[in-house]
Amino acid sequence: MKKYTAVRKLTDNRFLNLYEMDALTNTGAPFNYYFASRNSEEKLPLLTGKLCSNGIVIYPIWKRNPEKIVMLRQYRYPLDAWLYELPAGLIDEGETASEAAVREMKEETGLTFTPYEGGNPSFRRPVYLGAGLTDETSTSVFGYADGEISGRFRESTESIEVLLVDKKEAARILKEERVSLRAAFLLMSFLRMDGAEPFAFLGE
């Protein structure tokens, strides 16, 4: 049974828009449902049935010391607060997830990023971030970061502090700080990671 009869775009923004659905309950009763999407109207997953990649989150092991990971402490407008995160961003038209990760790492941190392409490909599939609110997906990209930290490539709306975090500090952040969901789950993997084989947890 199809559980909606129509969907309408309510806003016109470059990055994110609000949609209204004429939805149906399990008994067929109508009600209004609202969700946010980064997809254009014709590419909404509820219309295409396709799993698309909207953005990436980067798992950047510090190449000079694989016992550390590159994190961000970033101001987030909806919270009016600073949040501990991993580098992340949107995938531009025509980009792969790995290409987007290289670009976003440079823009946010000034660092170069070399993606790790080994391991189980299922860990690099797009996953939904919060399907009760949005159809947005994120793809995890793993690899090494190196170079010199710089903020000169950032946009004026980005307030970012770049951090090189070891396991002790990662554990403290998880215990005491505001953390994004994506960073929290990937930090749990980082805490169990062996610096000699930093991506072994991805399997084969």
N, C-alpha and C. Protein backbone atom coordinates (compact mmCIF):
# COMPACT_ATOMS: atom_id res chain seq x y z
N MET A 1 0.84 -1.20 0.00
CA MET A 1 0.00 0.00 0.00
C MET A 1 0.87 1.24 0.00
N LYS A 2 0.64 2.12 -0.97
CA LYS A 2 1.35 3.39 -1.00
C LYS A 2 0.83 4.28 0.11
N LYS A 3 1.75 4.88 0.89
CA LYS A 3 1.33 5.60 2.10
C LYS A 3 1.37 7.11 1.94
N TYR A 4 1.25 7.59 0.71
CA TYR A 4 1.07 9.02 0.47
C TYR A 4 0.40 9.20 -0.88
N THR A 5 -0.21 10.36 -1.09
CA THR A 5 -0.89 10.63 -2.37
C THR A 5 -0.23 11.76 -3.14
N ALA A 6 0.51 12.64 -2.45
CA ALA A 6 1.17 13.76 -3.13
C ALA A 6 2.28 14.30 -2.25
N VAL A 7 3.23 15.00 -2.89
CA VAL A 7 4.31 15.65 -2.15
C VAL A 7 4.57 17.00 -2.80
N ARG A 8 4.79 18.03 -1.96
CA ARG A 8 4.98 19.39 -2.46
C ARG A 8 6.22 20.02 -1.83
N LYS A 9 6.98 20.73 -2.64
CA LYS A 9 8.13 21.49 -2.16
C LYS A 9 7.64 22.84 -1.64
N LEU A 10 8.02 23.15 -0.39
CA LEU A 10 7.51 24.37 0.25
C LEU A 10 8.51 25.51 0.25
N THR A 11 9.77 25.23 0.02
CA THR A 11 10.81 26.27 0.06
C THR A 11 11.69 26.16 -1.18
N ASP A 12 12.53 27.16 -1.37
CA ASP A 12 13.42 27.16 -2.53
C ASP A 12 14.80 27.64 -2.08
N ASN A 13 15.57 26.71 -1.55
CA ASN A 13 16.91 26.99 -1.02
C ASN A 13 17.93 26.15 -1.76
N ARG A 14 19.13 26.67 -1.89
CA ARG A 14 20.17 25.96 -2.65
C ARG A 14 20.59 24.65 -1.98
N PHE A 15 20.62 24.61 -0.64
CA PHE A 15 21.21 23.48 0.06
C PHE A 15 20.20 22.53 0.70
N LEU A 16 19.04 23.04 1.12
CA LEU A 16 18.10 22.22 1.89
C LEU A 16 16.70 22.78 1.73
N ASN A 17 15.71 21.89 1.55
CA ASN A 17 14.34 22.36 1.38
C ASN A 17 13.36 21.53 2.20
N LEU A 18 12.22 22.18 2.51
CA LEU A 18 11.15 21.54 3.26
C LEU A 18 10.08 21.05 2.29
N TYR A 19 9.63 19.81 2.52
CA TYR A 19 8.58 19.21 1.70
C TYR A 19 7.40 18.83 2.58
N GLU A 20 6.20 18.89 1.99
CA GLU A 20 4.97 18.47 2.65
C GLU A 20 4.39 17.29 1.90
N MET A 21 4.05 16.24 2.64
CA MET A 21 3.43 15.06 2.04
C MET A 21 1.96 14.97 2.46
N ASP A 22 1.12 14.58 1.53
CA ASP A 22 -0.23 14.13 1.86
C ASP A 22 -0.09 12.64 2.17
N ALA A 23 0.16 12.36 3.45
CA ALA A 23 0.46 11.00 3.88
C ALA A 23 -0.79 10.27 4.33
N LEU A 24 -0.66 8.94 4.47
CA LEU A 24 -1.78 8.10 4.88
C LEU A 24 -1.36 7.24 6.06
N THR A 25 -2.26 7.09 7.02
CA THR A 25 -2.01 6.19 8.14
C THR A 25 -2.16 4.74 7.68
N ASN A 26 -1.94 3.81 8.59
CA ASN A 26 -2.07 2.39 8.25
C ASN A 26 -3.50 2.03 7.85
N THR A 27 -4.47 2.83 8.29
CA THR A 27 -5.87 2.56 7.93
C THR A 27 -6.34 3.39 6.75
N GLY A 28 -5.42 4.20 6.17
CA GLY A 28 -5.77 5.00 5.00
C GLY A 28 -6.24 6.39 5.32
N ALA A 29 -6.20 6.80 6.58
CA ALA A 29 -6.62 8.15 6.95
C ALA A 29 -5.56 9.16 6.54
N PRO A 30 -5.92 10.31 5.99
CA PRO A 30 -4.93 11.29 5.53
C PRO A 30 -4.39 12.14 6.68
N PHE A 31 -3.12 12.53 6.57
CA PHE A 31 -2.51 13.51 7.48
C PHE A 31 -1.32 14.13 6.78
N ASN A 32 -0.88 15.27 7.29
CA ASN A 32 0.26 15.97 6.69
C ASN A 32 1.56 15.53 7.37
N TYR A 33 2.58 15.27 6.54
CA TYR A 33 3.90 14.88 7.05
C TYR A 33 4.93 15.80 6.39
N TYR A 34 5.90 16.25 7.17
CA TYR A 34 6.91 17.18 6.67
C TYR A 34 8.30 16.58 6.80
N PHE A 35 9.14 16.83 5.80
CA PHE A 35 10.53 16.37 5.88
C PHE A 35 11.43 17.32 5.12
N ALA A 36 12.70 17.29 5.46
CA ALA A 36 13.71 18.12 4.78
C ALA A 36 14.50 17.24 3.82
N SER A 37 14.96 17.85 2.73
CA SER A 37 15.73 17.10 1.75
C SER A 37 16.77 17.99 1.08
N ARG A 38 17.91 17.38 0.77
CA ARG A 38 18.93 18.06 -0.04
C ARG A 38 18.77 17.72 -1.52
N ASN A 39 17.84 16.84 -1.83
CA ASN A 39 17.64 16.40 -3.21
C ASN A 39 16.68 17.34 -3.95
N SER A 40 16.87 17.46 -5.25
CA SER A 40 15.93 18.21 -6.07
C SER A 40 14.62 17.44 -6.15
N GLU A 41 13.55 18.14 -6.54
CA GLU A 41 12.23 17.52 -6.55
C GLU A 41 12.20 16.22 -7.36
N GLU A 42 12.83 16.24 -8.53
CA GLU A 42 12.76 15.07 -9.41
C GLU A 42 13.65 13.92 -8.93
N LYS A 43 14.54 14.21 -7.96
CA LYS A 43 15.44 13.16 -7.47
C LYS A 43 15.13 12.71 -6.04
N LEU A 44 13.96 13.07 -5.54
CA LEU A 44 13.57 12.61 -4.21
C LEU A 44 13.55 11.08 -4.18
N PRO A 45 14.20 10.46 -3.20
CA PRO A 45 14.20 9.00 -3.13
C PRO A 45 12.82 8.37 -3.07
N LEU A 46 11.84 9.08 -2.47
CA LEU A 46 10.49 8.50 -2.40
C LEU A 46 9.85 8.40 -3.78
N LEU A 47 10.37 9.18 -4.75
CA LEU A 47 9.86 9.10 -6.12
C LEU A 47 10.70 8.17 -6.99
N THR A 48 12.03 8.17 -6.78
CA THR A 48 12.91 7.37 -7.63
C THR A 48 13.15 5.96 -7.11
N GLY A 49 13.01 5.80 -5.78
CA GLY A 49 13.33 4.51 -5.18
C GLY A 49 14.81 4.22 -5.10
N LYS A 50 15.64 5.22 -5.39
CA LYS A 50 17.09 5.02 -5.43
C LYS A 50 17.76 5.52 -4.15
N LEU A 51 18.85 4.86 -3.79
CA LEU A 51 19.69 5.28 -2.67
C LEU A 51 20.82 6.14 -3.25
N CYS A 52 20.78 7.44 -2.98
CA CYS A 52 21.77 8.35 -3.53
C CYS A 52 22.68 8.87 -2.42
N SER A 53 23.83 9.39 -2.80
CA SER A 53 24.79 9.93 -1.84
C SER A 53 24.68 11.44 -1.81
N ASN A 54 24.33 12.00 -0.66
CA ASN A 54 24.26 13.45 -0.50
C ASN A 54 25.55 14.04 0.05
N GLY A 55 26.15 13.35 1.01
CA GLY A 55 27.32 13.91 1.67
C GLY A 55 28.27 12.85 2.17
N ILE A 56 29.35 13.31 2.79
CA ILE A 56 30.37 12.41 3.30
C ILE A 56 30.77 12.82 4.72
N VAL A 57 31.24 11.84 5.48
CA VAL A 57 31.94 12.08 6.73
C VAL A 57 33.29 11.40 6.60
N ILE A 58 34.33 12.08 7.07
CA ILE A 58 35.70 11.62 6.85
C ILE A 58 36.28 11.06 8.14
N TYR A 59 36.91 9.90 8.03
CA TYR A 59 37.62 9.27 9.14
C TYR A 59 39.11 9.42 8.84
N PRO A 60 39.72 10.56 9.27
CA PRO A 60 41.09 10.89 8.83
C PRO A 60 42.14 10.57 9.90
N ILE A 61 42.82 9.46 9.70
CA ILE A 61 43.93 9.11 10.58
C ILE A 61 45.12 10.01 10.24
N TRP A 62 45.77 10.53 11.29
CA TRP A 62 46.92 11.41 11.11
C TRP A 62 48.11 10.57 10.64
N LYS A 63 48.59 10.83 9.42
CA LYS A 63 49.61 9.98 8.80
C LYS A 63 50.91 9.96 9.60
N ARG A 64 51.26 11.09 10.23
CA ARG A 64 52.53 11.17 10.96
C ARG A 64 52.48 10.43 12.29
N ASN A 65 51.28 10.17 12.78
CA ASN A 65 51.10 9.42 14.02
C ASN A 65 49.74 8.74 13.96
N PRO A 66 49.68 7.48 13.49
CA PRO A 66 48.38 6.81 13.31
C PRO A 66 47.61 6.54 14.60
N GLU A 67 48.17 6.92 15.74
CA GLU A 67 47.43 6.81 16.99
C GLU A 67 46.57 8.06 17.23
N LYS A 68 46.53 8.96 16.24
CA LYS A 68 45.72 10.17 16.35
C LYS A 68 44.78 10.28 15.15
N ILE A 69 43.67 10.98 15.38
CA ILE A 69 42.69 11.23 14.34
C ILE A 69 42.42 12.73 14.27
N VAL A 70 42.14 13.23 13.08
CA VAL A 70 41.84 14.65 12.90
C VAL A 70 40.37 14.89 13.20
N MET A 71 40.09 15.78 14.14
CA MET A 71 38.73 16.15 14.48
C MET A 71 38.54 17.65 14.35
N LEU A 72 37.28 18.06 14.36
CA LEU A 72 36.93 19.47 14.34
C LEU A 72 36.13 19.82 15.58
N ARG A 73 36.35 21.01 16.07
CA ARG A 73 35.44 21.63 17.04
C ARG A 73 34.83 22.80 16.28
N GLN A 74 33.54 22.68 15.97
CA GLN A 74 32.91 23.60 15.02
C GLN A 74 31.65 24.24 15.61
N TYR A 75 31.51 25.54 15.37
CA TYR A 75 30.30 26.25 15.80
C TYR A 75 29.15 25.86 14.88
N ARG A 76 28.01 25.49 15.50
CA ARG A 76 26.82 25.12 14.74
C ARG A 76 25.68 26.08 15.07
N TYR A 77 25.17 26.75 14.04
CA TYR A 77 24.14 27.77 14.22
C TYR A 77 22.87 27.24 14.87
N PRO A 78 22.34 26.06 14.49
CA PRO A 78 21.09 25.62 15.13
C PRO A 78 21.21 25.39 16.63
N LEU A 79 22.44 25.17 17.11
CA LEU A 79 22.66 24.91 18.53
C LEU A 79 23.15 26.15 19.28
N ASP A 80 23.67 27.13 18.54
CA ASP A 80 24.41 28.25 19.14
C ASP A 80 25.45 27.70 20.12
N ALA A 81 26.19 26.70 19.63
CA ALA A 81 27.17 26.02 20.48
C ALA A 81 28.22 25.36 19.59
N TRP A 82 29.32 24.98 20.23
CA TRP A 82 30.42 24.30 19.54
C TRP A 82 30.23 22.80 19.68
N LEU A 83 30.46 22.09 18.57
CA LEU A 83 30.24 20.65 18.51
C LEU A 83 31.52 19.96 18.06
N TYR A 84 31.83 18.83 18.70
CA TYR A 84 32.96 18.02 18.25
C TYR A 84 32.49 17.12 17.12
N GLU A 85 33.22 17.16 16.01
CA GLU A 85 32.81 16.45 14.81
C GLU A 85 34.03 15.88 14.09
N LEU A 86 33.77 15.08 13.07
CA LEU A 86 34.77 14.73 12.08
C LEU A 86 34.53 15.59 10.85
N PRO A 87 35.55 15.84 10.05
CA PRO A 87 35.35 16.61 8.83
C PRO A 87 34.25 15.98 7.98
N ALA A 88 33.45 16.81 7.34
CA ALA A 88 32.31 16.30 6.57
C ALA A 88 31.89 17.36 5.56
N GLY A 89 31.00 16.98 4.66
CA GLY A 89 30.50 17.96 3.70
C GLY A 89 29.60 17.31 2.68
N LEU A 90 29.13 18.11 1.74
CA LEU A 90 28.24 17.64 0.69
C LEU A 90 29.03 17.20 -0.54
N ILE A 91 28.47 16.26 -1.27
CA ILE A 91 29.07 15.80 -2.52
C ILE A 91 28.56 16.68 -3.65
N ASP A 92 29.47 17.32 -4.37
CA ASP A 92 29.08 18.15 -5.50
C ASP A 92 28.67 17.29 -6.69
N GLU A 93 27.90 17.88 -7.59
CA GLU A 93 27.47 17.18 -8.80
C GLU A 93 28.69 16.65 -9.56
N GLY A 94 28.67 15.36 -9.88
CA GLY A 94 29.75 14.75 -10.64
C GLY A 94 30.90 14.22 -9.80
N GLU A 95 30.91 14.48 -8.51
CA GLU A 95 31.97 14.00 -7.63
C GLU A 95 31.67 12.61 -7.11
N THR A 96 32.73 11.84 -6.84
CA THR A 96 32.60 10.63 -6.06
C THR A 96 32.72 11.00 -4.58
N ALA A 97 32.38 10.07 -3.71
CA ALA A 97 32.52 10.33 -2.27
C ALA A 97 33.98 10.60 -1.91
N SER A 98 34.91 9.86 -2.49
CA SER A 98 36.34 10.06 -2.19
C SER A 98 36.82 11.42 -2.67
N GLU A 99 36.37 11.83 -3.86
CA GLU A 99 36.75 13.15 -4.37
C GLU A 99 36.21 14.27 -3.48
N ALA A 100 34.98 14.10 -3.01
CA ALA A 100 34.40 15.09 -2.12
C ALA A 100 35.18 15.16 -0.81
N ALA A 101 35.64 14.01 -0.31
CA ALA A 101 36.40 13.98 0.94
C ALA A 101 37.72 14.72 0.80
N VAL A 102 38.41 14.53 -0.30
CA VAL A 102 39.67 15.23 -0.55
C VAL A 102 39.43 16.74 -0.58
N ARG A 103 38.40 17.16 -1.28
CA ARG A 103 38.09 18.59 -1.38
C ARG A 103 37.68 19.17 -0.03
N GLU A 104 36.78 18.50 0.67
CA GLU A 104 36.29 19.01 1.96
C GLU A 104 37.40 19.07 3.01
N MET A 105 38.28 18.08 3.01
CA MET A 105 39.39 18.10 3.97
C MET A 105 40.28 19.33 3.74
N LYS A 106 40.55 19.62 2.50
CA LYS A 106 41.38 20.79 2.17
C LYS A 106 40.65 22.08 2.58
N GLU A 107 39.37 22.17 2.26
CA GLU A 107 38.61 23.38 2.57
C GLU A 107 38.49 23.62 4.07
N GLU A 108 38.22 22.57 4.84
CA GLU A 108 37.95 22.75 6.26
C GLU A 108 39.21 22.81 7.12
N THR A 109 40.26 22.10 6.70
CA THR A 109 41.43 21.97 7.57
C THR A 109 42.74 22.44 6.93
N GLY A 110 42.76 22.56 5.60
CA GLY A 110 44.01 22.85 4.90
C GLY A 110 44.85 21.62 4.64
N LEU A 111 44.44 20.47 5.15
CA LEU A 111 45.22 19.24 5.04
C LEU A 111 44.92 18.49 3.75
N THR A 112 45.87 17.69 3.31
CA THR A 112 45.64 16.79 2.19
C THR A 112 45.08 15.47 2.73
N PHE A 113 44.29 14.80 1.92
CA PHE A 113 43.65 13.56 2.35
C PHE A 113 43.84 12.50 1.29
N THR A 114 44.27 11.31 1.73
CA THR A 114 44.45 10.18 0.83
C THR A 114 43.47 9.08 1.23
N PRO A 115 42.44 8.85 0.43
CA PRO A 115 41.44 7.83 0.80
C PRO A 115 42.02 6.43 0.84
N TYR A 116 41.52 5.63 1.78
CA TYR A 116 41.84 4.21 1.87
C TYR A 116 40.73 3.46 1.16
N GLU A 117 41.08 2.69 0.15
CA GLU A 117 40.07 2.04 -0.69
C GLU A 117 39.91 0.56 -0.36
N GLY A 118 40.64 0.04 0.63
CA GLY A 118 40.54 -1.36 0.97
C GLY A 118 39.39 -1.65 1.90
N GLY A 119 39.33 -2.89 2.37
CA GLY A 119 38.30 -3.27 3.31
C GLY A 119 36.99 -3.61 2.65
N ASN A 120 35.99 -3.82 3.46
CA ASN A 120 34.67 -4.24 3.00
C ASN A 120 33.92 -3.05 2.39
N PRO A 121 33.55 -3.11 1.10
CA PRO A 121 32.86 -1.97 0.47
C PRO A 121 31.54 -1.60 1.14
N SER A 122 30.93 -2.52 1.88
CA SER A 122 29.65 -2.21 2.51
C SER A 122 29.79 -1.10 3.55
N PHE A 123 31.01 -0.90 4.08
CA PHE A 123 31.22 0.17 5.06
C PHE A 123 31.30 1.54 4.40
N ARG A 124 31.28 1.58 3.07
CA ARG A 124 31.34 2.85 2.35
C ARG A 124 30.06 3.11 1.55
N ARG A 125 28.99 2.41 1.91
CA ARG A 125 27.69 2.66 1.28
C ARG A 125 27.03 3.88 1.93
N PRO A 126 26.18 4.60 1.20
CA PRO A 126 25.42 5.69 1.84
C PRO A 126 24.47 5.13 2.89
N VAL A 127 24.33 5.84 3.99
CA VAL A 127 23.37 5.46 5.04
C VAL A 127 22.53 6.69 5.39
N TYR A 128 21.31 6.44 5.84
CA TYR A 128 20.41 7.54 6.18
C TYR A 128 20.76 8.12 7.54
N LEU A 129 20.64 9.45 7.68
CA LEU A 129 21.03 10.14 8.90
C LEU A 129 19.90 10.23 9.92
N GLY A 130 18.68 10.41 9.48
CA GLY A 130 17.55 10.54 10.41
C GLY A 130 16.26 10.52 9.63
N ALA A 131 15.81 9.33 9.26
CA ALA A 131 14.72 9.20 8.29
C ALA A 131 13.38 9.72 8.79
N GLY A 132 13.24 10.00 10.08
CA GLY A 132 12.01 10.62 10.55
C GLY A 132 11.93 12.10 10.23
N LEU A 133 13.08 12.66 9.89
CA LEU A 133 13.18 14.11 9.64
C LEU A 133 13.61 14.43 8.22
N THR A 134 14.48 13.59 7.64
CA THR A 134 15.10 13.91 6.36
C THR A 134 15.44 12.64 5.59
N ASP A 135 15.54 12.76 4.26
CA ASP A 135 16.00 11.64 3.43
C ASP A 135 17.50 11.73 3.15
N GLU A 136 18.20 12.63 3.87
CA GLU A 136 19.63 12.85 3.64
C GLU A 136 20.45 11.60 3.96
N THR A 137 21.45 11.33 3.15
CA THR A 137 22.37 10.23 3.38
C THR A 137 23.79 10.74 3.55
N SER A 138 24.62 9.90 4.16
CA SER A 138 26.03 10.22 4.34
C SER A 138 26.86 8.96 4.06
N THR A 139 28.00 9.16 3.43
CA THR A 139 28.91 8.07 3.11
C THR A 139 30.20 8.27 3.89
N SER A 140 30.68 7.24 4.56
CA SER A 140 31.94 7.32 5.30
C SER A 140 33.12 7.10 4.36
N VAL A 141 34.12 7.97 4.48
CA VAL A 141 35.34 7.84 3.68
C VAL A 141 36.51 7.75 4.66
N PHE A 142 37.31 6.71 4.54
CA PHE A 142 38.42 6.45 5.45
C PHE A 142 39.73 6.76 4.75
N GLY A 143 40.74 7.22 5.52
CA GLY A 143 42.02 7.50 4.89
C GLY A 143 42.97 8.22 5.82
N TYR A 144 44.04 8.74 5.21
CA TYR A 144 45.11 9.43 5.94
C TYR A 144 45.08 10.92 5.63
N ALA A 145 45.31 11.73 6.67
CA ALA A 145 45.45 13.18 6.51
C ALA A 145 46.89 13.56 6.80
N ASP A 146 47.37 14.57 6.07
CA ASP A 146 48.75 15.04 6.27
C ASP A 146 48.83 16.48 5.80
N GLY A 147 49.97 17.11 6.11
CA GLY A 147 50.17 18.49 5.68
C GLY A 147 50.16 19.45 6.85
N GLU A 148 49.90 20.73 6.54
CA GLU A 148 49.89 21.78 7.54
C GLU A 148 48.47 22.31 7.72
N ILE A 149 48.03 22.41 8.95
CA ILE A 149 46.68 22.89 9.25
C ILE A 149 46.56 24.37 8.86
N SER A 150 45.47 24.69 8.16
CA SER A 150 45.23 26.06 7.72
C SER A 150 43.74 26.31 7.59
N GLY A 151 43.34 27.55 7.84
CA GLY A 151 41.94 27.93 7.68
C GLY A 151 41.69 28.80 6.48
N ARG A 152 42.67 28.95 5.62
CA ARG A 152 42.53 29.93 4.53
C ARG A 152 41.57 29.51 3.42
N PHE A 153 41.14 28.24 3.42
CA PHE A 153 40.21 27.78 2.38
C PHE A 153 38.76 27.75 2.87
N ARG A 154 38.51 28.14 4.11
CA ARG A 154 37.17 28.05 4.68
C ARG A 154 36.27 29.18 4.20
N GLU A 155 34.95 28.90 4.26
CA GLU A 155 33.97 29.94 3.99
C GLU A 155 33.80 30.82 5.22
N SER A 156 33.28 32.03 5.03
CA SER A 156 33.16 32.99 6.13
C SER A 156 32.15 32.55 7.18
N THR A 157 31.27 31.59 6.83
CA THR A 157 30.28 31.09 7.79
C THR A 157 30.81 29.93 8.63
N GLU A 158 32.03 29.46 8.34
CA GLU A 158 32.59 28.31 9.04
C GLU A 158 33.53 28.75 10.15
N SER A 159 33.20 28.40 11.38
CA SER A 159 34.07 28.66 12.53
C SER A 159 34.57 27.30 13.02
N ILE A 160 35.85 27.01 12.78
CA ILE A 160 36.38 25.67 12.98
C ILE A 160 37.71 25.71 13.70
N GLU A 161 37.87 24.84 14.67
CA GLU A 161 39.16 24.57 15.30
C GLU A 161 39.55 23.14 14.93
N VAL A 162 40.74 22.95 14.36
CA VAL A 162 41.21 21.62 13.95
C VAL A 162 42.01 21.01 15.09
N LEU A 163 41.70 19.76 15.41
CA LEU A 163 42.32 19.07 16.54
C LEU A 163 42.95 17.75 16.10
N LEU A 164 44.10 17.42 16.68
CA LEU A 164 44.71 16.10 16.52
C LEU A 164 44.47 15.34 17.82
N VAL A 165 43.61 14.34 17.76
CA VAL A 165 43.05 13.72 18.97
C VAL A 165 43.59 12.31 19.14
N ASP A 166 44.13 12.01 20.33
CA ASP A 166 44.54 10.64 20.64
C ASP A 166 43.39 9.91 21.34
N LYS A 167 43.60 8.65 21.69
CA LYS A 167 42.51 7.85 22.25
C LYS A 167 42.04 8.38 23.60
N LYS A 168 42.96 8.87 24.41
CA LYS A 168 42.57 9.39 25.71
C LYS A 168 41.65 10.59 25.56
N GLU A 169 42.01 11.49 24.65
CA GLU A 169 41.18 12.66 24.42
C GLU A 169 39.86 12.28 23.75
N ALA A 170 39.89 11.28 22.86
CA ALA A 170 38.66 10.83 22.21
C ALA A 170 37.68 10.28 23.25
N ALA A 171 38.19 9.53 24.22
CA ALA A 171 37.34 8.99 25.28
C ALA A 171 36.75 10.12 26.12
N ARG A 172 37.55 11.15 26.39
CA ARG A 172 37.06 12.29 27.16
C ARG A 172 35.96 13.02 26.39
N ILE A 173 36.18 13.23 25.11
CA ILE A 173 35.19 13.92 24.28
C ILE A 173 33.86 13.18 24.29
N LEU A 174 33.91 11.86 24.13
CA LEU A 174 32.69 11.06 24.14
C LEU A 174 31.97 11.15 25.48
N LYS A 175 32.73 11.29 26.55
CA LYS A 175 32.16 11.32 27.89
C LYS A 175 31.62 12.69 28.28
N GLU A 176 32.29 13.76 27.83
CA GLU A 176 32.03 15.08 28.39
C GLU A 176 31.49 16.13 27.42
N GLU A 177 31.70 15.97 26.13
CA GLU A 177 31.43 17.05 25.18
C GLU A 177 30.20 16.78 24.32
N ARG A 178 29.74 17.81 23.65
CA ARG A 178 28.70 17.67 22.63
C ARG A 178 29.36 17.09 21.38
N VAL A 179 28.81 16.00 20.87
CA VAL A 179 29.42 15.28 19.76
C VAL A 179 28.35 14.95 18.72
N SER A 180 28.71 15.06 17.44
CA SER A 180 27.78 14.64 16.40
C SER A 180 27.66 13.11 16.41
N LEU A 181 26.52 12.60 15.95
CA LEU A 181 26.29 11.16 15.94
C LEU A 181 27.32 10.43 15.09
N ARG A 182 27.61 10.98 13.91
CA ARG A 182 28.56 10.31 13.03
C ARG A 182 29.94 10.22 13.68
N ALA A 183 30.37 11.31 14.31
CA ALA A 183 31.66 11.31 14.98
C ALA A 183 31.67 10.33 16.15
N ALA A 184 30.58 10.28 16.89
CA ALA A 184 30.52 9.41 18.07
C ALA A 184 30.73 7.95 17.68
N PHE A 185 30.02 7.48 16.68
CA PHE A 185 30.14 6.08 16.31
C PHE A 185 31.52 5.77 15.71
N LEU A 186 32.06 6.68 14.92
CA LEU A 186 33.38 6.42 14.35
C LEU A 186 34.47 6.53 15.40
N LEU A 187 34.29 7.39 16.40
CA LEU A 187 35.26 7.45 17.50
C LEU A 187 35.27 6.15 18.30
N MET A 188 34.13 5.49 18.40
CA MET A 188 34.10 4.19 19.09
C MET A 188 35.01 3.19 18.37
N SER A 189 35.03 3.24 17.05
CA SER A 189 35.94 2.39 16.28
C SER A 189 37.39 2.82 16.48
N PHE A 190 37.60 4.13 16.52
CA PHE A 190 38.95 4.65 16.73
C PHE A 190 39.53 4.19 18.06
N LEU A 191 38.71 4.13 19.09
CA LEU A 191 39.18 3.71 20.42
C LEU A 191 39.65 2.26 20.42
N ARG A 192 39.12 1.43 19.52
CA ARG A 192 39.51 0.03 19.43
C ARG A 192 40.55 -0.22 18.34
N MET A 193 40.96 0.84 17.66
CA MET A 193 41.84 0.73 16.52
C MET A 193 43.28 0.45 16.93
N ASP A 194 43.98 -0.36 16.14
CA ASP A 194 45.40 -0.63 16.31
C ASP A 194 46.17 0.28 15.37
N GLY A 195 47.03 1.17 15.93
CA GLY A 195 47.75 2.12 15.10
C GLY A 195 48.62 1.48 14.04
N ALA A 196 49.04 0.24 14.27
CA ALA A 196 49.86 -0.45 13.27
C ALA A 196 49.03 -0.83 12.05
N GLU A 197 47.73 -1.05 12.23
CA GLU A 197 46.81 -1.38 11.14
C GLU A 197 45.52 -0.59 11.36
N PRO A 198 45.56 0.71 11.09
CA PRO A 198 44.44 1.58 11.50
C PRO A 198 43.11 1.30 10.81
N PHE A 199 43.13 0.57 9.68
CA PHE A 199 41.87 0.31 8.99
C PHE A 199 41.51 -1.17 9.00
N ALA A 200 42.16 -1.94 9.85
CA ALA A 200 41.88 -3.38 9.92
C ALA A 200 40.44 -3.65 10.32
N PHE A 201 39.84 -2.74 11.09
CA PHE A 201 38.46 -2.96 11.54
C PHE A 201 37.45 -2.93 10.39
N LEU A 202 37.89 -2.46 9.22
CA LEU A 202 36.99 -2.43 8.08
C LEU A 202 36.85 -3.79 7.43
N GLY A 203 37.72 -4.74 7.78
CA GLY A 203 37.63 -6.10 7.24
C GLY A 203 38.01 -6.16 5.78
N GLU A 204 37.76 -7.28 5.19
CA GLU A 204 38.08 -7.51 3.77
C GLU A 204 36.85 -8.00 3.01
